[in-house]
Amino acid sequence: VQLQASGGGLVQAGGSLRLSCAVSGIIGSLNNMGWYRQTPGKQRELVATFIGSDRTNYADSVKGRFTISRDNAKHMLYLQMNNLKLEDTAVYYCNGRVPYNWGQGTEVTVSS
């Protein structure tokens, strides 16, 4: 499985970003795929995920602000991030709920 996240950047607090993840090596739908983030010195945190084919789950810290979506035909996973806060600054990765090998993340920096 290969995972390539993109779309990160520098954004002001209150702004929005949309992250994308190209997934290869998985046959069929992107069930049980999600987005993680990591900041220096902290464990990687699962912030949004699909559970099976039709349920989603979000960390409390991003509920109401982040939305996970996917395009199964294109094997793409997305994370729409709105009303970004300083504490959302991190490197974001896509992966399975049971992680595969970690691909390249994309860095999100939220400034005041």
PDB file of N, CA and C in Angstrom:
ATOM      1  N   VAL A   1       0.854  -1.188   0.000  1.00  0.00           N
ATOM      2  CA  VAL A   1       0.000   0.000   0.000  1.00  0.00           C
ATOM      3  C   VAL A   1       0.890   1.238   0.000  1.00  0.00           C
ATOM      4  N   GLN A   2       0.540   2.171  -0.862  1.00  0.00           N
ATOM      5  CA  GLN A   2       1.264   3.444  -0.901  1.00  0.00           C
ATOM      6  C   GLN A   2       0.294   4.581  -0.629  1.00  0.00           C
ATOM      7  N   LEU A   3       0.723   5.505   0.213  1.00  0.00           N
ATOM      8  CA  LEU A   3      -0.123   6.601   0.647  1.00  0.00           C
ATOM      9  C   LEU A   3       0.642   7.899   0.462  1.00  0.00           C
ATOM     10  N   GLN A   4       0.029   8.856  -0.221  1.00  0.00           N
ATOM     11  CA  GLN A   4       0.679  10.136  -0.498  1.00  0.00           C
ATOM     12  C   GLN A   4      -0.275  11.263  -0.147  1.00  0.00           C
ATOM     13  N   ALA A   5       0.002  11.930   0.938  1.00  0.00           N
ATOM     14  CA  ALA A   5      -0.831  13.051   1.366  1.00  0.00           C
ATOM     15  C   ALA A   5      -0.311  14.350   0.766  1.00  0.00           C
ATOM     16  N   SER A   6      -1.223  15.264   0.511  1.00  0.00           N
ATOM     17  CA  SER A   6      -0.851  16.572  -0.035  1.00  0.00           C
ATOM     18  C   SER A   6      -1.896  17.601   0.353  1.00  0.00           C
ATOM     19  N   GLY A   7      -1.594  18.857   0.078  1.00  0.00           N
ATOM     20  CA  GLY A   7      -2.560  19.916   0.318  1.00  0.00           C
ATOM     21  C   GLY A   7      -2.300  20.770   1.536  1.00  0.00           C
ATOM     22  N   GLY A   8      -1.278  20.436   2.289  1.00  0.00           N
ATOM     23  CA  GLY A   8      -0.974  21.226   3.474  1.00  0.00           C
ATOM     24  C   GLY A   8      -0.398  22.582   3.096  1.00  0.00           C
ATOM     25  N   GLY A   9      -0.203  23.404   4.110  1.00  0.00           N
ATOM     26  CA  GLY A   9       0.366  24.721   3.865  1.00  0.00           C
ATOM     27  C   GLY A   9       0.221  25.599   5.074  1.00  0.00           C
ATOM     28  N   LEU A  10       0.452  26.872   4.858  1.00  0.00           N
ATOM     29  CA  LEU A  10       0.348  27.872   5.913  1.00  0.00           C
ATOM     30  C   LEU A  10      -0.991  28.589   5.769  1.00  0.00           C
ATOM     31  N   VAL A  11      -1.722  28.666   6.856  1.00  0.00           N
ATOM     32  CA  VAL A  11      -3.035  29.299   6.823  1.00  0.00           C
ATOM     33  C   VAL A  11      -3.248  30.058   8.117  1.00  0.00           C
ATOM     34  N   GLN A  12      -3.998  31.129   8.048  1.00  0.00           N
ATOM     35  CA  GLN A  12      -4.304  31.880   9.255  1.00  0.00           C
ATOM     36  C   GLN A  12      -5.390  31.186  10.058  1.00  0.00           C
ATOM     37  N   ALA A  13      -5.382  31.407  11.330  1.00  0.00           N
ATOM     38  CA  ALA A  13      -6.427  30.869  12.189  1.00  0.00           C
ATOM     39  C   ALA A  13      -7.787  31.314  11.665  1.00  0.00           C
ATOM     40  N   GLY A  14      -8.717  30.367  11.658  1.00  0.00           N
ATOM     41  CA  GLY A  14     -10.041  30.634  11.108  1.00  0.00           C
ATOM     42  C   GLY A  14     -10.176  30.264   9.649  1.00  0.00           C
ATOM     43  N   GLY A  15      -9.067  29.981   9.000  1.00  0.00           N
ATOM     44  CA  GLY A  15      -9.074  29.643   7.592  1.00  0.00           C
ATOM     45  C   GLY A  15      -9.371  28.174   7.349  1.00  0.00           C
ATOM     46  N   SER A  16      -9.268  27.787   6.087  1.00  0.00           N
ATOM     47  CA  SER A  16      -9.602  26.424   5.681  1.00  0.00           C
ATOM     48  C   SER A  16      -8.513  25.846   4.790  1.00  0.00           C
ATOM     49  N   LEU A  17      -8.401  24.538   4.830  1.00  0.00           N
ATOM     50  CA  LEU A  17      -7.545  23.786   3.929  1.00  0.00           C
ATOM     51  C   LEU A  17      -8.242  22.478   3.588  1.00  0.00           C
ATOM     52  N   ARG A  18      -7.910  21.971   2.415  1.00  0.00           N
ATOM     53  CA  ARG A  18      -8.404  20.644   2.044  1.00  0.00           C
ATOM     54  C   ARG A  18      -7.210  19.752   1.736  1.00  0.00           C
ATOM     55  N   LEU A  19      -7.083  18.695   2.499  1.00  0.00           N
ATOM     56  CA  LEU A  19      -6.014  17.739   2.288  1.00  0.00           C
ATOM     57  C   LEU A  19      -6.491  16.612   1.377  1.00  0.00           C
ATOM     58  N   SER A  20      -5.574  16.086   0.600  1.00  0.00           N
ATOM     59  CA  SER A  20      -5.876  14.964  -0.278  1.00  0.00           C
ATOM     60  C   SER A  20      -4.894  13.834  -0.009  1.00  0.00           C
ATOM     61  N   CYS A  21      -5.330  12.624  -0.262  1.00  0.00           N
ATOM     62  CA  CYS A  21      -4.450  11.469  -0.104  1.00  0.00           C
ATOM     63  C   CYS A  21      -4.685  10.519  -1.261  1.00  0.00           C
ATOM     64  N   ALA A  22      -3.646  10.263  -2.021  1.00  0.00           N
ATOM     65  CA  ALA A  22      -3.712   9.281  -3.090  1.00  0.00           C
ATOM     66  C   ALA A  22      -3.353   7.915  -2.511  1.00  0.00           C
ATOM     67  N   VAL A  23      -4.248   6.965  -2.702  1.00  0.00           N
ATOM     68  CA  VAL A  23      -4.083   5.623  -2.137  1.00  0.00           C
ATOM     69  C   VAL A  23      -3.897   4.628  -3.261  1.00  0.00           C
ATOM     70  N   SER A  24      -2.857   3.847  -3.188  1.00  0.00           N
ATOM     71  CA  SER A  24      -2.675   2.783  -4.165  1.00  0.00           C
ATOM     72  C   SER A  24      -2.369   1.480  -3.433  1.00  0.00           C
ATOM     73  N   GLY A  25      -2.750   0.380  -4.056  1.00  0.00           N
ATOM     74  CA  GLY A  25      -2.489  -0.924  -3.470  1.00  0.00           C
ATOM     75  C   GLY A  25      -3.639  -1.497  -2.681  1.00  0.00           C
ATOM     76  N   ILE A  26      -4.735  -0.776  -2.597  1.00  0.00           N
ATOM     77  CA  ILE A  26      -5.938  -1.277  -1.935  1.00  0.00           C
ATOM     78  C   ILE A  26      -6.976  -1.552  -3.004  1.00  0.00           C
ATOM     79  N   ILE A  27      -7.543  -2.757  -2.956  1.00  0.00           N
ATOM     80  CA  ILE A  27      -8.567  -3.116  -3.932  1.00  0.00           C
ATOM     81  C   ILE A  27      -9.930  -2.798  -3.342  1.00  0.00           C
ATOM     82  N   GLY A  28     -10.764  -2.139  -4.118  1.00  0.00           N
ATOM     83  CA  GLY A  28     -12.104  -1.847  -3.651  1.00  0.00           C
ATOM     84  C   GLY A  28     -12.208  -0.509  -2.943  1.00  0.00           C
ATOM     85  N   SER A  29     -13.216  -0.385  -2.104  1.00  0.00           N
ATOM     86  CA  SER A  29     -13.531   0.883  -1.451  1.00  0.00           C
ATOM     87  C   SER A  29     -12.547   1.212  -0.335  1.00  0.00           C
ATOM     88  N   LEU A  30     -12.447   2.501  -0.052  1.00  0.00           N
ATOM     89  CA  LEU A  30     -11.529   2.970   0.994  1.00  0.00           C
ATOM     90  C   LEU A  30     -12.241   2.960   2.350  1.00  0.00           C
ATOM     91  N   ASN A  31     -12.739   1.800   2.721  1.00  0.00           N
ATOM     92  CA  ASN A  31     -13.343   1.670   4.053  1.00  0.00           C
ATOM     93  C   ASN A  31     -12.243   1.680   5.099  1.00  0.00           C
ATOM     94  N   ASN A  32     -12.595   2.137   6.276  1.00  0.00           N
ATOM     95  CA  ASN A  32     -11.659   2.098   7.405  1.00  0.00           C
ATOM     96  C   ASN A  32     -10.359   2.837   7.136  1.00  0.00           C
ATOM     97  N   MET A  33     -10.435   3.885   6.339  1.00  0.00           N
ATOM     98  CA  MET A  33      -9.281   4.762   6.122  1.00  0.00           C
ATOM     99  C   MET A  33      -9.498   6.052   6.892  1.00  0.00           C
ATOM    100  N   GLY A  34      -8.411   6.669   7.285  1.00  0.00           N
ATOM    101  CA  GLY A  34      -8.563   7.875   8.078  1.00  0.00           C
ATOM    102  C   GLY A  34      -7.383   8.807   7.976  1.00  0.00           C
ATOM    103  N   TRP A  35      -7.489   9.872   8.742  1.00  0.00           N
ATOM    104  CA  TRP A  35      -6.450  10.889   8.804  1.00  0.00           C
ATOM    105  C   TRP A  35      -5.880  10.965  10.220  1.00  0.00           C
ATOM    106  N   TYR A  36      -4.577  11.018  10.281  1.00  0.00           N
ATOM    107  CA  TYR A  36      -3.858  11.161  11.538  1.00  0.00           C
ATOM    108  C   TYR A  36      -3.076  12.478  11.491  1.00  0.00           C
ATOM    109  N   ARG A  37      -2.659  12.917  12.666  1.00  0.00           N
ATOM    110  CA  ARG A  37      -1.746  14.046  12.711  1.00  0.00           C
ATOM    111  C   ARG A  37      -0.740  13.852  13.847  1.00  0.00           C
ATOM    112  N   GLN A  38       0.396  14.491  13.663  1.00  0.00           N
ATOM    113  CA  GLN A  38       1.450  14.352  14.661  1.00  0.00           C
ATOM    114  C   GLN A  38       2.200  15.659  14.806  1.00  0.00           C
ATOM    115  N   THR A  39       2.457  16.021  16.067  1.00  0.00           N
ATOM    116  CA  THR A  39       3.297  17.176  16.372  1.00  0.00           C
ATOM    117  C   THR A  39       4.529  16.672  17.103  1.00  0.00           C
ATOM    118  N   PRO A  40       5.614  17.424  17.061  1.00  0.00           N
ATOM    119  CA  PRO A  40       6.856  16.975  17.691  1.00  0.00           C
ATOM    120  C   PRO A  40       6.657  16.639  19.160  1.00  0.00           C
ATOM    121  N   GLY A  41       7.165  15.489  19.541  1.00  0.00           N
ATOM    122  CA  GLY A  41       7.101  15.079  20.931  1.00  0.00           C
ATOM    123  C   GLY A  41       5.791  14.445  21.344  1.00  0.00           C
ATOM    124  N   LYS A  42       4.844  14.338  20.422  1.00  0.00           N
ATOM    125  CA  LYS A  42       3.549  13.752  20.757  1.00  0.00           C
ATOM    126  C   LYS A  42       3.284  12.520  19.900  1.00  0.00           C
ATOM    127  N   GLN A  43       2.416  11.679  20.401  1.00  0.00           N
ATOM    128  CA  GLN A  43       2.027  10.500  19.628  1.00  0.00           C
ATOM    129  C   GLN A  43       1.132  10.906  18.463  1.00  0.00           C
ATOM    130  N   ARG A  44       1.181  10.078  17.436  1.00  0.00           N
ATOM    131  CA  ARG A  44       0.305  10.303  16.304  1.00  0.00           C
ATOM    132  C   ARG A  44      -1.141  10.120  16.751  1.00  0.00           C
ATOM    133  N   GLU A  45      -2.004  11.037  16.322  1.00  0.00           N
ATOM    134  CA  GLU A  45      -3.405  11.058  16.748  1.00  0.00           C
ATOM    135  C   GLU A  45      -4.319  10.821  15.556  1.00  0.00           C
ATOM    136  N   LEU A  46      -5.280   9.925  15.730  1.00  0.00           N
ATOM    137  CA  LEU A  46      -6.278   9.701  14.687  1.00  0.00           C
ATOM    138  C   LEU A  46      -7.353  10.770  14.823  1.00  0.00           C
ATOM    139  N   VAL A  47      -7.527  11.606  13.805  1.00  0.00           N
ATOM    140  CA  VAL A  47      -8.465  12.721  13.936  1.00  0.00           C
ATOM    141  C   VAL A  47      -9.773  12.489  13.193  1.00  0.00           C
ATOM    142  N   ALA A  48      -9.763  11.682  12.150  1.00  0.00           N
ATOM    143  CA  ALA A  48     -10.987  11.442  11.386  1.00  0.00           C
ATOM    144  C   ALA A  48     -10.850  10.114  10.672  1.00  0.00           C
ATOM    145  N   THR A  49     -11.928   9.348  10.654  1.00  0.00           N
ATOM    146  CA  THR A  49     -11.843   8.056  10.008  1.00  0.00           C
ATOM    147  C   THR A  49     -13.191   7.586   9.497  1.00  0.00           C
ATOM    148  N   PHE A  50     -13.152   6.791   8.468  1.00  0.00           N
ATOM    149  CA  PHE A  50     -14.314   6.014   8.066  1.00  0.00           C
ATOM    150  C   PHE A  50     -14.305   4.724   8.884  1.00  0.00           C
ATOM    151  N   ILE A  51     -15.501   4.322   9.290  1.00  0.00           N
ATOM    152  CA  ILE A  51     -15.663   3.040   9.964  1.00  0.00           C
ATOM    153  C   ILE A  51     -16.557   2.204   9.068  1.00  0.00           C
ATOM    154  N   GLY A  52     -15.965   1.233   8.409  1.00  0.00           N
ATOM    155  CA  GLY A  52     -16.739   0.473   7.444  1.00  0.00           C
ATOM    156  C   GLY A  52     -17.087   1.324   6.245  1.00  0.00           C
ATOM    157  N   SER A  53     -18.232   1.055   5.677  1.00  0.00           N
ATOM    158  CA  SER A  53     -18.577   1.706   4.418  1.00  0.00           C
ATOM    159  C   SER A  53     -19.328   3.025   4.579  1.00  0.00           C
ATOM    160  N   ASP A  54     -19.940   3.260   5.752  1.00  0.00           N
ATOM    161  CA  ASP A  54     -20.814   4.431   5.792  1.00  0.00           C
ATOM    162  C   ASP A  54     -20.786   5.233   7.084  1.00  0.00           C
ATOM    163  N   ARG A  55     -19.961   4.872   8.006  1.00  0.00           N
ATOM    164  CA  ARG A  55     -19.879   5.631   9.248  1.00  0.00           C
ATOM    165  C   ARG A  55     -18.572   6.396   9.323  1.00  0.00           C
ATOM    166  N   THR A  56     -18.607   7.515  10.037  1.00  0.00           N
ATOM    167  CA  THR A  56     -17.401   8.295  10.258  1.00  0.00           C
ATOM    168  C   THR A  56     -17.231   8.572  11.746  1.00  0.00           C
ATOM    169  N   ASN A  57     -16.013   8.854  12.125  1.00  0.00           N
ATOM    170  CA  ASN A  57     -15.739   9.194  13.513  1.00  0.00           C
ATOM    171  C   ASN A  57     -14.671  10.274  13.548  1.00  0.00           C
ATOM    172  N   TYR A  58     -14.815  11.192  14.497  1.00  0.00           N
ATOM    173  CA  TYR A  58     -13.888  12.309  14.604  1.00  0.00           C
ATOM    174  C   TYR A  58     -13.404  12.457  16.032  1.00  0.00           C
ATOM    175  N   ALA A  59     -12.170  12.904  16.156  1.00  0.00           N
ATOM    176  CA  ALA A  59     -11.677  13.274  17.475  1.00  0.00           C
ATOM    177  C   ALA A  59     -12.477  14.471  17.972  1.00  0.00           C
ATOM    178  N   ASP A  60     -12.673  14.536  19.270  1.00  0.00           N
ATOM    179  CA  ASP A  60     -13.450  15.640  19.845  1.00  0.00           C
ATOM    180  C   ASP A  60     -12.881  17.002  19.450  1.00  0.00           C
ATOM    181  N   SER A  61     -11.576  17.060  19.328  1.00  0.00           N
ATOM    182  CA  SER A  61     -10.918  18.330  19.055  1.00  0.00           C
ATOM    183  C   SER A  61     -11.221  18.892  17.663  1.00  0.00           C
ATOM    184  N   VAL A  62     -11.724  18.040  16.764  1.00  0.00           N
ATOM    185  CA  VAL A  62     -11.986  18.513  15.392  1.00  0.00           C
ATOM    186  C   VAL A  62     -13.444  18.384  14.988  1.00  0.00           C
ATOM    187  N   LYS A  63     -14.263  17.841  15.852  1.00  0.00           N
ATOM    188  CA  LYS A  63     -15.689  17.653  15.522  1.00  0.00           C
ATOM    189  C   LYS A  63     -16.328  18.978  15.163  1.00  0.00           C
ATOM    190  N   GLY A  64     -17.096  18.959  14.082  1.00  0.00           N
ATOM    191  CA  GLY A  64     -17.775  20.161  13.645  1.00  0.00           C
ATOM    192  C   GLY A  64     -16.926  21.065  12.778  1.00  0.00           C
ATOM    193  N   ARG A  65     -15.632  20.776  12.688  1.00  0.00           N
ATOM    194  CA  ARG A  65     -14.741  21.614  11.880  1.00  0.00           C
ATOM    195  C   ARG A  65     -14.114  20.833  10.727  1.00  0.00           C
ATOM    196  N   PHE A  66     -13.844  19.563  10.924  1.00  0.00           N
ATOM    197  CA  PHE A  66     -13.205  18.723   9.900  1.00  0.00           C
ATOM    198  C   PHE A  66     -14.232  17.759   9.322  1.00  0.00           C
ATOM    199  N   THR A  67     -14.091  17.490   8.035  1.00  0.00           N
ATOM    200  CA  THR A  67     -14.951  16.519   7.373  1.00  0.00           C
ATOM    201  C   THR A  67     -14.104  15.604   6.497  1.00  0.00           C
ATOM    202  N   ILE A  68     -14.249  14.304   6.727  1.00  0.00           N
ATOM    203  CA  ILE A  68     -13.538  13.324   5.911  1.00  0.00           C
ATOM    204  C   ILE A  68     -14.441  12.893   4.761  1.00  0.00           C
ATOM    205  N   SER A  69     -13.852  12.699   3.600  1.00  0.00           N
ATOM    206  CA  SER A  69     -14.616  12.217   2.451  1.00  0.00           C
ATOM    207  C   SER A  69     -13.694  11.369   1.575  1.00  0.00           C
ATOM    208  N   ARG A  70     -14.258  10.742   0.598  1.00  0.00           N
ATOM    209  CA  ARG A  70     -13.463   9.868  -0.258  1.00  0.00           C
ATOM    210  C   ARG A  70     -14.089   9.767  -1.638  1.00  0.00           C
ATOM    211  N   ASP A  71     -13.269   9.408  -2.589  1.00  0.00           N
ATOM    212  CA  ASP A  71     -13.713   9.075  -3.934  1.00  0.00           C
ATOM    213  C   ASP A  71     -13.165   7.684  -4.205  1.00  0.00           C
ATOM    214  N   ASN A  72     -14.004   6.685  -4.048  1.00  0.00           N
ATOM    215  CA  ASN A  72     -13.539   5.306  -4.188  1.00  0.00           C
ATOM    216  C   ASN A  72     -13.054   5.004  -5.601  1.00  0.00           C
ATOM    217  N   ALA A  73     -13.703   5.606  -6.579  1.00  0.00           N
ATOM    218  CA  ALA A  73     -13.320   5.353  -7.969  1.00  0.00           C
ATOM    219  C   ALA A  73     -11.911   5.860  -8.255  1.00  0.00           C
ATOM    220  N   LYS A  74     -11.563   6.992  -7.649  1.00  0.00           N
ATOM    221  CA  LYS A  74     -10.235   7.570  -7.872  1.00  0.00           C
ATOM    222  C   LYS A  74      -9.229   7.127  -6.815  1.00  0.00           C
ATOM    223  N   HIS A  75      -9.710   6.386  -5.817  1.00  0.00           N
ATOM    224  CA  HIS A  75      -8.849   5.983  -4.697  1.00  0.00           C
ATOM    225  C   HIS A  75      -8.213   7.191  -4.027  1.00  0.00           C
ATOM    226  N   MET A  76      -9.060   8.160  -3.750  1.00  0.00           N
ATOM    227  CA  MET A  76      -8.610   9.365  -3.089  1.00  0.00           C
ATOM    228  C   MET A  76      -9.368   9.561  -1.781  1.00  0.00           C
ATOM    229  N   LEU A  77      -8.651  10.020  -0.789  1.00  0.00           N
ATOM    230  CA  LEU A  77      -9.216  10.342   0.521  1.00  0.00           C
ATOM    231  C   LEU A  77      -8.993  11.826   0.747  1.00  0.00           C
ATOM    232  N   TYR A  78      -9.964  12.489   1.374  1.00  0.00           N
ATOM    233  CA  TYR A  78      -9.868  13.930   1.576  1.00  0.00           C
ATOM    234  C   TYR A  78     -10.159  14.284   3.032  1.00  0.00           C
ATOM    235  N   LEU A  79      -9.647  15.441   3.423  1.00  0.00           N
ATOM    236  CA  LEU A  79      -9.978  15.999   4.733  1.00  0.00           C
ATOM    237  C   LEU A  79     -10.191  17.495   4.553  1.00  0.00           C
ATOM    238  N   GLN A  80     -11.438  17.914   4.677  1.00  0.00           N
ATOM    239  CA  GLN A  80     -11.764  19.337   4.641  1.00  0.00           C
ATOM    240  C   GLN A  80     -11.633  19.878   6.062  1.00  0.00           C
ATOM    241  N   MET A  81     -10.799  20.883   6.223  1.00  0.00           N
ATOM    242  CA  MET A  81     -10.545  21.444   7.544  1.00  0.00           C
ATOM    243  C   MET A  81     -10.968  22.906   7.540  1.00  0.00           C
ATOM    244  N   ASN A  82     -11.964  23.214   8.344  1.00  0.00           N
ATOM    245  CA  ASN A  82     -12.481  24.587   8.434  1.00  0.00           C
ATOM    246  C   ASN A  82     -12.230  25.145   9.821  1.00  0.00           C
ATOM    247  N   ASN A  83     -12.300  26.458   9.918  1.00  0.00           N
ATOM    248  CA  ASN A  83     -12.117  27.137  11.194  1.00  0.00           C
ATOM    249  C   ASN A  83     -10.865  26.622  11.914  1.00  0.00           C
ATOM    250  N   LEU A  84      -9.772  26.627  11.194  1.00  0.00           N
ATOM    251  CA  LEU A  84      -8.536  26.068  11.735  1.00  0.00           C
ATOM    252  C   LEU A  84      -8.045  26.857  12.932  1.00  0.00           C
ATOM    253  N   LYS A  85      -7.485  26.131  13.885  1.00  0.00           N
ATOM    254  CA  LYS A  85      -6.962  26.713  15.120  1.00  0.00           C
ATOM    255  C   LYS A  85      -5.455  26.482  15.188  1.00  0.00           C
ATOM    256  N   LEU A  86      -4.798  27.275  16.023  1.00  0.00           N
ATOM    257  CA  LEU A  86      -3.356  27.135  16.170  1.00  0.00           C
ATOM    258  C   LEU A  86      -2.975  25.698  16.527  1.00  0.00           C
ATOM    259  N   GLU A  87      -3.783  25.057  17.348  1.00  0.00           N
ATOM    260  CA  GLU A  87      -3.468  23.709  17.792  1.00  0.00           C
ATOM    261  C   GLU A  87      -3.669  22.644  16.726  1.00  0.00           C
ATOM    262  N   ASP A  88      -4.163  23.028  15.565  1.00  0.00           N
ATOM    263  CA  ASP A  88      -4.262  22.090  14.458  1.00  0.00           C
ATOM    264  C   ASP A  88      -2.942  21.969  13.702  1.00  0.00           C
ATOM    265  N   THR A  89      -1.983  22.796  14.042  1.00  0.00           N
ATOM    266  CA  THR A  89      -0.670  22.727  13.402  1.00  0.00           C
ATOM    267  C   THR A  89      -0.049  21.358  13.653  1.00  0.00           C
ATOM    268  N   ALA A  90       0.304  20.663  12.586  1.00  0.00           N
ATOM    269  CA  ALA A  90       0.827  19.302  12.689  1.00  0.00           C
ATOM    270  C   ALA A  90       1.188  18.798  11.294  1.00  0.00           C
ATOM    271  N   VAL A  91       1.809  17.651  11.262  1.00  0.00           N
ATOM    272  CA  VAL A  91       1.965  16.915  10.006  1.00  0.00           C
ATOM    273  C   VAL A  91       0.822  15.916   9.926  1.00  0.00           C
ATOM    274  N   TYR A  92       0.115  15.939   8.833  1.00  0.00           N
ATOM    275  CA  TYR A  92      -1.060  15.102   8.650  1.00  0.00           C
ATOM    276  C   TYR A  92      -0.737  13.934   7.718  1.00  0.00           C
ATOM    277  N   TYR A  93      -1.211  12.766   8.107  1.00  0.00           N
ATOM    278  CA  TYR A  93      -1.007  11.537   7.351  1.00  0.00           C
ATOM    279  C   TYR A  93      -2.340  10.846   7.113  1.00  0.00           C
ATOM    280  N   CYS A  94      -2.440  10.149   6.008  1.00  0.00           N
ATOM    281  CA  CYS A  94      -3.574   9.257   5.817  1.00  0.00           C
ATOM    282  C   CYS A  94      -3.100   7.823   6.023  1.00  0.00           C
ATOM    283  N   ASN A  95      -3.994   6.981   6.511  1.00  0.00           N
ATOM    284  CA  ASN A  95      -3.655   5.586   6.712  1.00  0.00           C
ATOM    285  C   ASN A  95      -4.909   4.834   7.114  1.00  0.00           C
ATOM    286  N   GLY A  96      -4.781   3.535   7.216  1.00  0.00           N
ATOM    287  CA  GLY A  96      -5.897   2.744   7.665  1.00  0.00           C
ATOM    288  C   GLY A  96      -6.110   2.865   9.167  1.00  0.00           C
ATOM    289  N   ARG A  97      -7.302   2.482   9.627  1.00  0.00           N
ATOM    290  CA  ARG A  97      -7.530   2.459  11.074  1.00  0.00           C
ATOM    291  C   ARG A  97      -6.575   1.453  11.715  1.00  0.00           C
ATOM    292  N   VAL A  98      -6.284   0.386  11.000  1.00  0.00           N
ATOM    293  CA  VAL A  98      -5.150  -0.459  11.337  1.00  0.00           C
ATOM    294  C   VAL A  98      -4.082  -0.069  10.331  1.00  0.00           C
ATOM    295  N   PRO A  99      -3.086   0.679  10.771  1.00  0.00           N
ATOM    296  CA  PRO A  99      -2.190   1.331   9.811  1.00  0.00           C
ATOM    297  C   PRO A  99      -1.386   0.380   8.935  1.00  0.00           C
ATOM    298  N   TYR A 100      -1.240   0.770   7.697  1.00  0.00           N
ATOM    299  CA  TYR A 100      -0.270   0.173   6.794  1.00  0.00           C
ATOM    300  C   TYR A 100       1.067   0.873   7.044  1.00  0.00           C
ATOM    301  N   ASN A 101       2.005   0.684   6.160  1.00  0.00           N
ATOM    302  CA  ASN A 101       3.239   1.468   6.276  1.00  0.00           C
ATOM    303  C   ASN A 101       2.900   2.947   6.105  1.00  0.00           C
ATOM    304  N   TRP A 102       3.648   3.795   6.797  1.00  0.00           N
ATOM    305  CA  TRP A 102       3.351   5.217   6.770  1.00  0.00           C
ATOM    306  C   TRP A 102       3.953   5.870   5.535  1.00  0.00           C
ATOM    307  N   GLY A 103       3.121   6.598   4.835  1.00  0.00           N
ATOM    308  CA  GLY A 103       3.586   7.346   3.677  1.00  0.00           C
ATOM    309  C   GLY A 103       4.033   8.733   4.078  1.00  0.00           C
ATOM    310  N   GLN A 104       4.243   9.556   3.081  1.00  0.00           N
ATOM    311  CA  GLN A 104       4.659  10.928   3.330  1.00  0.00           C
ATOM    312  C   GLN A 104       3.473  11.743   3.804  1.00  0.00           C
ATOM    313  N   GLY A 105       3.665  12.497   4.857  1.00  0.00           N
ATOM    314  CA  GLY A 105       2.621  13.360   5.362  1.00  0.00           C
ATOM    315  C   GLY A 105       2.663  14.717   4.697  1.00  0.00           C
ATOM    316  N   THR A 106       1.723  15.545   5.087  1.00  0.00           N
ATOM    317  CA  THR A 106       1.683  16.916   4.585  1.00  0.00           C
ATOM    318  C   THR A 106       1.568  17.865   5.773  1.00  0.00           C
ATOM    319  N   GLU A 107       2.365  18.913   5.750  1.00  0.00           N
ATOM    320  CA  GLU A 107       2.462  19.784   6.912  1.00  0.00           C
ATOM    321  C   GLU A 107       1.436  20.903   6.853  1.00  0.00           C
ATOM    322  N   VAL A 108       0.751  21.075   7.970  1.00  0.00           N
ATOM    323  CA  VAL A 108      -0.222  22.154   8.125  1.00  0.00           C
ATOM    324  C   VAL A 108       0.264  23.071   9.239  1.00  0.00           C
ATOM    325  N   THR A 109       0.386  24.345   8.913  1.00  0.00           N
ATOM    326  CA  THR A 109       0.784  25.337   9.908  1.00  0.00           C
ATOM    327  C   THR A 109      -0.285  26.411   9.978  1.00  0.00           C
ATOM    328  N   VAL A 110      -0.829  26.586  11.180  1.00  0.00           N
ATOM    329  CA  VAL A 110      -1.860  27.596  11.397  1.00  0.00           C
ATOM    330  C   VAL A 110      -1.237  28.743  12.179  1.00  0.00           C
ATOM    331  N   SER A 111      -1.340  29.935  11.641  1.00  0.00           N
ATOM    332  CA  SER A 111      -0.739  31.106  12.280  1.00  0.00           C
ATOM    333  C   SER A 111      -1.813  32.027  12.836  1.00  0.00           C
ATOM    334  N   SER A 112      -1.411  32.829  13.797  1.00  0.00           N
ATOM    335  CA  SER A 112      -2.376  33.760  14.416  1.00  0.00           C
ATOM    336  C   SER A 112      -2.460  35.053  13.634  1.00  0.00           C
TER     337      SER A 112
END
